[in-house]
C-alpha atoms as a PDB file:
ATOM      1  CA  MET A   1     -10.931   9.363  -0.084  1.00  0.00           C
ATOM      2  CA  ASN A   2     -14.034  11.037  -1.428  1.00  0.00           C
ATOM      3  CA  ALA A   3     -16.433   8.866  -3.369  1.00  0.00           C
ATOM      4  CA  ASN A   4     -16.392  10.973  -6.500  1.00  0.00           C
ATOM      5  CA  PHE A   5     -15.199   9.908  -9.878  1.00  0.00           C
ATOM      6  CA  GLU A   6     -12.559  12.612 -10.284  1.00  0.00           C
ATOM      7  CA  SER A   7     -10.748  11.676  -7.075  1.00  0.00           C
ATOM      8  CA  ILE A   8     -10.933   7.978  -7.973  1.00  0.00           C
ATOM      9  CA  TRP A   9      -9.519   8.716 -11.431  1.00  0.00           C
ATOM     10  CA  GLU A  10      -6.650  10.738  -9.963  1.00  0.00           C
ATOM     11  CA  GLU A  11      -5.808   8.132  -7.359  1.00  0.00           C
ATOM     12  CA  PHE A  12      -6.220   4.956  -9.412  1.00  0.00           C
ATOM     13  CA  SER A  13      -5.617   5.720 -13.108  1.00  0.00           C
ATOM     14  CA  ILE A  14      -1.850   5.071 -13.104  1.00  0.00           C
ATOM     15  CA  PRO A  15      -1.829   2.006 -10.814  1.00  0.00           C
ATOM     16  CA  MET A  16      -4.848   0.601 -12.687  1.00  0.00           C
ATOM     17  CA  LYS A  17      -3.000   0.843 -16.008  1.00  0.00           C
ATOM     18  CA  ALA A  18      -0.072  -1.047 -14.506  1.00  0.00           C
ATOM     19  CA  PHE A  19      -2.415  -3.628 -12.958  1.00  0.00           C
ATOM     20  CA  VAL A  20      -4.151  -4.291 -16.282  1.00  0.00           C
ATOM     21  CA  LYS A  21      -1.016  -4.223 -18.445  1.00  0.00           C
ATOM     22  CA  LYS A  22       0.537  -6.858 -16.202  1.00  0.00           C
ATOM     23  CA  ARG A  23      -2.352  -9.175 -17.078  1.00  0.00           C
ATOM     24  CA  ILE A  24      -3.059  -8.231 -20.706  1.00  0.00           C
ATOM     25  CA  ASN A  25      -0.281  -8.618 -23.281  1.00  0.00           C
ATOM     26  CA  ASN A  26      -1.634  -6.279 -25.941  1.00  0.00           C
ATOM     27  CA  ASP A  27      -1.215  -2.593 -25.025  1.00  0.00           C
ATOM     28  CA  GLN A  28      -4.268  -1.488 -27.027  1.00  0.00           C
ATOM     29  CA  ASP A  29      -6.471  -4.086 -25.356  1.00  0.00           C
ATOM     30  CA  ALA A  30      -5.094  -3.062 -21.972  1.00  0.00           C
ATOM     31  CA  GLU A  31      -5.929   0.608 -22.644  1.00  0.00           C
ATOM     32  CA  ASP A  32      -9.447  -0.382 -23.747  1.00  0.00           C
ATOM     33  CA  ILE A  33      -9.944  -2.452 -20.612  1.00  0.00           C
ATOM     34  CA  VAL A  34      -8.798   0.406 -18.375  1.00  0.00           C
ATOM     35  CA  GLN A  35     -11.347   2.661 -20.067  1.00  0.00           C
ATOM     36  CA  ILE A  36     -14.085   0.041 -19.560  1.00  0.00           C
ATOM     37  CA  ILE A  37     -13.118  -0.279 -15.888  1.00  0.00           C
ATOM     38  CA  PHE A  38     -13.398   3.457 -15.314  1.00  0.00           C
ATOM     39  CA  LEU A  39     -16.669   3.587 -17.250  1.00  0.00           C
ATOM     40  CA  LYS A  40     -18.053   0.899 -14.921  1.00  0.00           C
ATOM     41  CA  ILE A  41     -16.768   2.814 -11.905  1.00  0.00           C
ATOM     42  CA  HIS A  42     -18.379   6.017 -13.201  1.00  0.00           C
ATOM     43  CA  ASP A  43     -21.695   4.310 -13.899  1.00  0.00           C
ATOM     44  CA  ASN A  44     -21.812   2.545 -10.527  1.00  0.00           C
ATOM     45  CA  ILE A  45     -20.170   4.989  -8.138  1.00  0.00           C
ATOM     46  CA  ASP A  46     -23.516   5.705  -6.488  1.00  0.00           C
ATOM     47  CA  ASN A  47     -23.632   2.030  -5.450  1.00  0.00           C
ATOM     48  CA  LEU A  48     -20.456   2.431  -3.398  1.00  0.00           C
ATOM     49  CA  ILE A  49     -21.796   2.420   0.131  1.00  0.00           C
ATOM     50  CA  LYS A  50     -18.585   2.441   2.189  1.00  0.00           C
ATOM     51  CA  VAL A  51     -15.947   4.822   0.893  1.00  0.00           C
ATOM     52  CA  ASP A  52     -13.282   3.039   2.956  1.00  0.00           C
ATOM     53  CA  LYS A  53     -13.956  -0.090   0.859  1.00  0.00           C
ATOM     54  CA  ALA A  54     -13.411   1.745  -2.452  1.00  0.00           C
ATOM     55  CA  HIS A  55      -9.988   0.190  -3.090  1.00  0.00           C
ATOM     56  CA  SER A  56     -11.258  -3.392  -3.008  1.00  0.00           C
ATOM     57  CA  TRP A  57     -14.447  -2.403  -4.889  1.00  0.00           C
ATOM     58  CA  ILE A  58     -12.389  -0.839  -7.695  1.00  0.00           C
ATOM     59  CA  TYR A  59     -10.018  -3.790  -8.001  1.00  0.00           C
ATOM     60  CA  THR A  60     -12.947  -6.229  -7.981  1.00  0.00           C
ATOM     61  CA  ILE A  61     -14.368  -4.334 -10.959  1.00  0.00           C
ATOM     62  CA  ALA A  62     -10.940  -4.528 -12.631  1.00  0.00           C
ATOM     63  CA  ARG A  63     -10.558  -8.269 -12.082  1.00  0.00           C
ATOM     64  CA  ASN A  64     -14.077  -8.964 -13.320  1.00  0.00           C
ATOM     65  CA  THR A  65     -13.509  -6.807 -16.399  1.00  0.00           C
ATOM     66  CA  ILE A  66     -10.301  -8.712 -17.190  1.00  0.00           C
ATOM     67  CA  PHE A  67     -12.159 -12.010 -16.745  1.00  0.00           C
ATOM     68  CA  ASP A  68     -14.897 -10.745 -19.090  1.00  0.00           C
ATOM     69  CA  PHE A  69     -12.291  -9.757 -21.669  1.00  0.00           C
ATOM     70  CA  TYR A  70     -10.802 -13.239 -21.733  1.00  0.00           C
ATOM     71  CA  ARG A  71     -14.235 -14.847 -21.848  1.00  0.00           C
ATOM     72  CA  THR A  72     -15.421 -12.755 -24.785  1.00  0.00           C
ATOM     73  CA  GLN A  73     -12.124 -13.000 -26.666  1.00  0.00           C
ATOM     74  CA  LYS A  74     -12.034 -16.759 -26.114  1.00  0.00           C
ATOM     75  CA  HIS A  75      -8.341 -16.543 -25.380  1.00  0.00           C
ATOM     76  CA  ASP A  76      -6.583 -19.708 -24.404  1.00  0.00           C
ATOM     77  CA  LEU A  77      -5.752 -18.335 -20.976  1.00  0.00           C
ATOM     78  CA  CYS A  78      -7.227 -20.399 -18.215  1.00  0.00           C
ATOM     79  CA  LEU A  79      -9.186 -18.163 -15.845  1.00  0.00           C
ATOM     80  CA  GLU A  80      -7.956 -20.154 -12.862  1.00  0.00           C
ATOM     81  CA  ASN A  81      -4.383 -19.173 -13.777  1.00  0.00           C
ATOM     82  CA  LEU A  82      -5.385 -15.507 -13.875  1.00  0.00           C
ATOM     83  CA  THR A  83      -6.941 -15.833 -10.424  1.00  0.00           C
ATOM     84  CA  GLU A  84      -3.753 -17.511  -9.174  1.00  0.00           C
ATOM     85  CA  ASP A  85      -1.694 -14.671 -10.712  1.00  0.00           C
ATOM     86  CA  ILE A  86      -3.757 -12.061  -8.889  1.00  0.00           C
ATOM     87  CA  TYR A  87      -3.578 -14.074  -5.661  1.00  0.00           C
ATOM     88  CA  SER A  88       0.181 -14.446  -6.137  1.00  0.00           C
ATOM     89  CA  ASP A  89       0.540 -10.648  -6.442  1.00  0.00           C
ATOM     90  CA  GLN A  90      -1.357 -10.220  -3.184  1.00  0.00           C
ATOM     91  CA  GLN A  91       0.858 -12.808  -1.462  1.00  0.00           C
ATOM     92  CA  GLU A  92       3.966 -11.019  -2.751  1.00  0.00           C
ATOM     93  CA  GLU A  93       2.705  -7.774  -1.202  1.00  0.00           C
ATOM     94  CA  VAL A  94       2.136  -9.542   2.133  1.00  0.00           C
ATOM     95  CA  VAL A  95       5.650 -11.017   2.070  1.00  0.00           C
ATOM     96  CA  LEU A  96       7.148  -7.620   1.226  1.00  0.00           C
ATOM     97  CA  ASN A  97       5.186  -5.951   4.030  1.00  0.00           C
ATOM     98  CA  ASN A  98       6.289  -8.631   6.503  1.00  0.00           C
ATOM     99  CA  GLU A  99       9.932  -8.230   5.493  1.00  0.00           C
ATOM    100  CA  MET A 100       9.768  -4.456   5.870  1.00  0.00           C
ATOM    101  CA  ALA A 101       7.920  -4.771   9.194  1.00  0.00           C
ATOM    102  CA  GLN A 102      10.655  -7.046  10.536  1.00  0.00           C
ATOM    103  CA  CYS A 103      13.307  -4.622   9.339  1.00  0.00           C
ATOM    104  CA  LEU A 104      11.497  -1.752  11.085  1.00  0.00           C
ATOM    105  CA  LYS A 105      11.267  -3.737  14.319  1.00  0.00           C
ATOM    106  CA  ASN A 106      15.009  -4.299  14.194  1.00  0.00           C
ATOM    107  CA  MET A 107      15.685  -0.629  13.454  1.00  0.00           C
ATOM    108  CA  ILE A 108      13.654   0.471  16.470  1.00  0.00           C
ATOM    109  CA  GLN A 109      16.323  -1.081  18.683  1.00  0.00           C
ATOM    110  CA  TYR A 110      18.866   1.419  17.305  1.00  0.00           C
ATOM    111  CA  LEU A 111      16.773   4.486  18.164  1.00  0.00           C
ATOM    112  CA  PRO A 112      17.683   6.625  21.160  1.00  0.00           C
ATOM    113  CA  GLU A 113      15.801   5.326  24.206  1.00  0.00           C
ATOM    114  CA  LYS A 114      13.192   8.114  24.393  1.00  0.00           C
ATOM    115  CA  TYR A 115      12.230   7.593  20.729  1.00  0.00           C
ATOM    116  CA  LYS A 116      12.275   3.813  21.005  1.00  0.00           C
ATOM    117  CA  GLN A 117       9.949   4.062  24.003  1.00  0.00           C
ATOM    118  CA  ALA A 118       7.583   6.414  22.148  1.00  0.00           C
ATOM    119  CA  ILE A 119       7.321   4.104  19.120  1.00  0.00           C
ATOM    120  CA  VAL A 120       6.934   0.903  21.143  1.00  0.00           C
ATOM    121  CA  LEU A 121       4.226   2.354  23.379  1.00  0.00           C
ATOM    122  CA  THR A 122       2.194   3.929  20.569  1.00  0.00           C
ATOM    123  CA  GLU A 123       2.664   1.417  17.761  1.00  0.00           C
ATOM    124  CA  PHE A 124       2.915  -1.898  19.608  1.00  0.00           C
ATOM    125  CA  GLU A 125       1.128  -1.263  22.885  1.00  0.00           C
ATOM    126  CA  ASN A 126      -1.518   0.917  21.226  1.00  0.00           C
ATOM    127  CA  LEU A 127      -1.302   3.889  23.555  1.00  0.00           C
ATOM    128  CA  THR A 128      -2.700   7.092  22.139  1.00  0.00           C
ATOM    129  CA  GLN A 129      -0.291   9.987  22.035  1.00  0.00           C
ATOM    130  CA  LYS A 130      -2.263  11.604  24.837  1.00  0.00           C
ATOM    131  CA  GLU A 131      -1.861   8.433  26.944  1.00  0.00           C
ATOM    132  CA  LEU A 132       1.831   8.390  26.032  1.00  0.00           C
ATOM    133  CA  GLY A 133       2.181  11.914  27.392  1.00  0.00           C
ATOM    134  CA  LEU A 134       0.492  10.933  30.653  1.00  0.00           C
ATOM    135  CA  HIS A 135       2.602   7.773  30.921  1.00  0.00           C
ATOM    136  CA  LEU A 136       5.864   9.674  30.388  1.00  0.00           C
ATOM    137  CA  GLY A 137       4.846  12.756  32.346  1.00  0.00           C
ATOM    138  CA  ILE A 138       5.093  15.084  29.344  1.00  0.00           C
ATOM    139  CA  SER A 139       2.522  17.226  27.551  1.00  0.00           C
ATOM    140  CA  GLU A 140       0.376  15.793  24.783  1.00  0.00           C
ATOM    141  CA  SER A 141       2.113  18.023  22.223  1.00  0.00           C
ATOM    142  CA  GLY A 142       5.468  16.845  23.588  1.00  0.00           C
ATOM    143  CA  ALA A 143       4.357  13.245  23.130  1.00  0.00           C
ATOM    144  CA  LYS A 144       3.207  13.969  19.579  1.00  0.00           C
ATOM    145  CA  SER A 145       6.542  15.609  18.782  1.00  0.00           C
ATOM    146  CA  ARG A 146       8.446  12.674  20.210  1.00  0.00           C
ATOM    147  CA  VAL A 147       6.473  10.163  18.124  1.00  0.00           C
ATOM    148  CA  GLN A 148       6.939  12.289  14.994  1.00  0.00           C
ATOM    149  CA  ARG A 149      10.679  12.564  15.601  1.00  0.00           C
ATOM    150  CA  ALA A 150      10.920   8.815  16.195  1.00  0.00           C
ATOM    151  CA  ARG A 151       9.095   8.132  12.917  1.00  0.00           C
ATOM    152  CA  ALA A 152      11.344  10.605  11.100  1.00  0.00           C
ATOM    153  CA  LYS A 153      14.448   8.895  12.506  1.00  0.00           C
ATOM    154  CA  LEU A 154      13.119   5.487  11.409  1.00  0.00           C
ATOM    155  CA  LYS A 155      12.412   6.837   7.944  1.00  0.00           C
ATOM    156  CA  GLU A 156      15.939   8.248   7.746  1.00  0.00           C
ATOM    157  CA  MET A 157      17.382   4.896   8.819  1.00  0.00           C
ATOM    158  CA  ILE A 158      15.343   3.060   6.180  1.00  0.00           C
ATOM    159  CA  LEU A 159      16.346   5.464   3.418  1.00  0.00           C
ATOM    160  CA  ASN A 160      20.009   5.207   4.424  1.00  0.00           C
ATOM    161  CA  CYS A 161      19.846   1.408   4.196  1.00  0.00           C
ATOM    162  CA  CYS A 162      17.468   0.817   1.309  1.00  0.00           C
ATOM    163  CA  TYR A 163      16.263   2.104  -2.005  1.00  0.00           C
ATOM    164  CA  VAL A 164      12.514   2.291  -1.477  1.00  0.00           C
ATOM    165  CA  GLU A 165       9.871   2.388  -4.198  1.00  0.00           C
ATOM    166  CA  LYS A 166       6.436   3.647  -3.196  1.00  0.00           C
ATOM    167  CA  ASP A 167       3.118   3.816  -4.986  1.00  0.00           C
ATOM    168  CA  HIS A 168       1.108   7.024  -5.357  1.00  0.00           C
ATOM    169  CA  ARG A 169      -0.452   6.488  -1.934  1.00  0.00           C
ATOM    170  CA  GLY A 170       2.915   6.216  -0.195  1.00  0.00           C
ATOM    171  CA  ASN A 171       2.770   2.441   0.307  1.00  0.00           C
ATOM    172  CA  ILE A 172       6.063   0.613  -0.101  1.00  0.00           C
ATOM    173  CA  ILE A 173       5.838  -1.614  -3.157  1.00  0.00           C
ATOM    174  CA  ASP A 174       9.477  -2.644  -3.409  1.00  0.00           C
ATOM    175  CA  TYR A 175      12.821  -2.097  -1.737  1.00  0.00           C
ATOM    176  CA  LYS A 176      16.440  -3.090  -2.228  1.00  0.00           C
ATOM    177  CA  VAL A 177      19.224  -2.963   0.324  1.00  0.00           C
ATOM    178  CA  LYS A 178      21.779  -0.318  -0.724  1.00  0.00           C
ATOM    179  CA  ASN A 179      24.748  -2.104   0.763  1.00  0.00           C
ATOM    180  CA  ASN A 180      25.530  -4.936   3.090  1.00  0.00           C
ATOM    181  CA  ASP A 181      26.945  -2.530   5.675  1.00  0.00           C
ATOM    182  CA  CYS A 182      23.440  -1.767   6.871  1.00  0.00           C
ATOM    183  CA  ASN A 183      23.268  -3.640  10.145  1.00  0.00           C
ATOM    184  CA  HIS A 184      19.771  -2.509  11.053  1.00  0.00           C
ATOM    185  CA  CYS A 185      17.847  -5.155   9.090  1.00  0.00           C
END
């Protein structure tokens, strides 16, 4: 991600609106808070030192802006409860990721052997694709193709078993099993 305001706006405007609206009951107040958040981001973007930390920097600004809103409005909401709500959301994401990771591990067992081997060696044993090629006695491009095909087959298996909802960055944010006949998970 580039550290420029336009790219941040494009990447975060929709998820930020959802994030704020989940915590602010009044839609007009939520819209105002989103605008304040992006104004703060715009005014302070030069202070962002590590671009790879932009996500947490942006959401820290959002949380602090929501806290400020409740402080200035003197709402009855206890700030500790808001912190717990945000923490709870993060825990829910971790649980969802762990569930999906376990499902993927199970699905790997149903891959054809050459694809299973490629995924296990690159994803779990941390071989590079070049090292995978050397290990299997195939070219580096052959190893890359094998890993890509294995990932494609896993994706197909997931989509055949589950309805998957992703955010704008491609991260899985929710899933539901399509039917109980899916024996991969």
